[in-house]
Amino acid sequence: MVLALVLAGIGIALYDGLIGPGTGTFLVLAFTALVGADFVHGSAMAKVVNAGTNLGALVVFAATGHVWWLLGAGMAVCNIAGAALGARMALRRGAGFVRVVLLVVVLALVGKLGYDQWLAG
């Protein structure tokens, strides 16, 4: 179990550093499958980890002068609003709702990636 957690952590960290989008989904899946959390708690834990990794990236990019602060501030406000709304919905509707939303988002992402590959081919 510990080895699976370490390997998942390394894999997700590498993915997050190299690619980024979708990391939260991988974290939710890891927390539910490996730690035994339900989808609501797994999603909450993923948000905390994602916030930490994003803060680390912000520090690195800010140190090298590669941050558009005004754009980032606008995105932060929208992210906070979306997170508050999403947390209320998840707590009100429960783990089944979170599971369905996660599945829909993953399917949409797979569809978009497939479509992009088809266009590039």
Protein backbone atom coordinates (compact mmCIF):
# COMPACT_ATOMS: atom_id res chain seq x y z
CA MET A 1 0.00 0.00 0.00
CA VAL A 2 2.76 2.46 0.91
CA LEU A 3 4.60 1.64 -2.32
CA ALA A 4 1.43 2.27 -4.34
CA LEU A 5 0.96 5.63 -2.61
CA VAL A 6 4.58 6.63 -3.24
CA LEU A 7 4.40 5.60 -6.91
CA ALA A 8 1.09 7.41 -7.37
CA GLY A 9 2.52 10.51 -5.71
CA ILE A 10 5.61 10.49 -7.92
CA GLY A 11 3.57 9.87 -11.07
CA ILE A 12 1.03 12.57 -10.29
CA ALA A 13 3.76 15.05 -9.33
CA LEU A 14 5.61 14.43 -12.60
CA TYR A 15 2.41 14.79 -14.58
CA ASP A 16 1.49 17.99 -12.73
CA GLY A 17 4.91 19.52 -13.33
CA LEU A 18 5.10 18.56 -17.00
CA ILE A 19 1.49 18.87 -18.17
CA GLY A 20 -0.76 20.12 -15.36
CA PRO A 21 -4.42 20.03 -16.44
CA GLY A 22 -6.29 17.06 -15.00
CA THR A 23 -4.03 16.63 -11.98
CA GLY A 24 -6.96 17.10 -9.61
CA THR A 25 -8.77 14.19 -11.24
CA PHE A 26 -5.77 11.92 -10.75
CA LEU A 27 -5.53 13.05 -7.13
CA VAL A 28 -9.22 12.31 -6.49
CA LEU A 29 -8.83 8.86 -8.02
CA ALA A 30 -5.72 8.17 -5.95
CA PHE A 31 -7.33 9.33 -2.72
CA THR A 32 -10.43 7.22 -3.33
CA ALA A 33 -8.70 4.09 -4.64
CA LEU A 34 -5.58 4.03 -2.48
CA VAL A 35 -6.52 5.89 0.69
CA GLY A 36 -10.16 4.76 0.82
CA ALA A 37 -11.71 8.24 0.93
CA ASP A 38 -15.17 8.80 -0.52
CA PHE A 39 -15.46 11.14 -3.50
CA VAL A 40 -16.38 14.20 -1.44
CA HIS A 41 -13.41 13.83 0.93
CA GLY A 42 -11.10 12.75 -1.89
CA SER A 43 -12.07 15.85 -3.83
CA ALA A 44 -11.48 18.06 -0.79
CA MET A 45 -8.02 16.54 -0.22
CA ALA A 46 -7.20 16.96 -3.91
CA LYS A 47 -8.07 20.67 -3.70
CA VAL A 48 -5.62 21.15 -0.83
CA VAL A 49 -2.80 19.31 -2.63
CA ASN A 50 -3.54 21.14 -5.89
CA ALA A 51 -3.45 24.50 -4.10
CA GLY A 52 -0.03 23.62 -2.68
CA THR A 53 1.42 22.61 -6.03
CA ASN A 54 -0.03 25.71 -7.68
CA LEU A 55 1.48 27.91 -4.98
CA GLY A 56 4.85 26.26 -5.58
CA ALA A 57 4.58 26.90 -9.31
CA LEU A 58 3.60 30.51 -8.65
CA VAL A 59 6.70 31.03 -6.50
CA VAL A 60 8.98 29.57 -9.20
CA PHE A 61 7.43 31.59 -12.02
CA ALA A 62 7.28 34.79 -9.95
CA ALA A 63 10.96 34.45 -9.05
CA THR A 64 11.80 34.44 -12.75
CA GLY A 65 9.40 37.28 -13.63
CA HIS A 66 6.98 35.16 -15.65
CA VAL A 67 3.66 36.03 -13.98
CA TRP A 68 0.89 38.18 -15.41
CA TRP A 69 -0.38 39.43 -12.05
CA LEU A 70 -3.58 41.13 -13.26
CA LEU A 71 -4.69 38.09 -15.25
CA GLY A 72 -3.78 35.82 -12.33
CA ALA A 73 -5.78 37.95 -9.89
CA GLY A 74 -8.86 37.71 -12.09
CA MET A 75 -8.43 33.97 -12.42
CA ALA A 76 -7.98 33.63 -8.66
CA VAL A 77 -11.27 35.45 -7.98
CA CYS A 78 -13.13 33.20 -10.43
CA ASN A 79 -11.42 30.10 -9.02
CA ILE A 80 -12.47 31.00 -5.47
CA ALA A 81 -16.06 31.62 -6.59
CA GLY A 82 -16.16 28.32 -8.46
CA ALA A 83 -14.61 26.44 -5.56
CA ALA A 84 -17.15 27.85 -3.11
CA LEU A 85 -20.05 26.94 -5.39
CA GLY A 86 -18.63 23.49 -6.10
CA ALA A 87 -18.00 22.75 -2.42
CA ARG A 88 -21.58 23.69 -1.52
CA MET A 89 -22.94 21.48 -4.30
CA ALA A 90 -20.71 18.55 -3.32
CA LEU A 91 -21.69 18.77 0.35
CA ARG A 92 -25.39 19.18 -0.47
CA ARG A 93 -25.59 16.42 -3.10
CA GLY A 94 -23.00 13.96 -1.79
CA ALA A 95 -20.46 11.51 -3.15
CA GLY A 96 -22.70 10.19 -5.94
CA PHE A 97 -22.97 13.65 -7.46
CA VAL A 98 -19.20 14.17 -7.27
CA ARG A 99 -18.63 10.77 -8.90
CA VAL A 100 -20.96 11.63 -11.82
CA VAL A 101 -19.40 15.08 -12.33
CA LEU A 102 -15.91 13.54 -12.25
CA LEU A 103 -16.94 10.95 -14.85
CA VAL A 104 -18.49 13.58 -17.13
CA VAL A 105 -15.40 15.80 -16.91
CA VAL A 106 -13.04 12.88 -17.64
CA LEU A 107 -15.14 11.79 -20.63
CA ALA A 108 -15.24 15.36 -21.96
CA LEU A 109 -11.46 15.64 -21.58
CA VAL A 110 -10.88 12.34 -23.36
CA GLY A 111 -13.26 13.42 -26.13
CA LYS A 112 -11.50 16.76 -26.55
CA LEU A 113 -8.06 15.16 -26.63
CA GLY A 114 -9.28 12.63 -29.20
CA TYR A 115 -10.80 15.38 -31.31
CA ASP A 116 -7.60 17.43 -31.15
CA GLN A 117 -5.59 14.39 -32.25
CA TRP A 118 -8.01 13.75 -35.10
CA LEU A 119 -7.64 17.35 -36.29
CA ALA A 120 -3.84 17.13 -36.07
CA GLY A 121 -3.74 13.80 -37.93
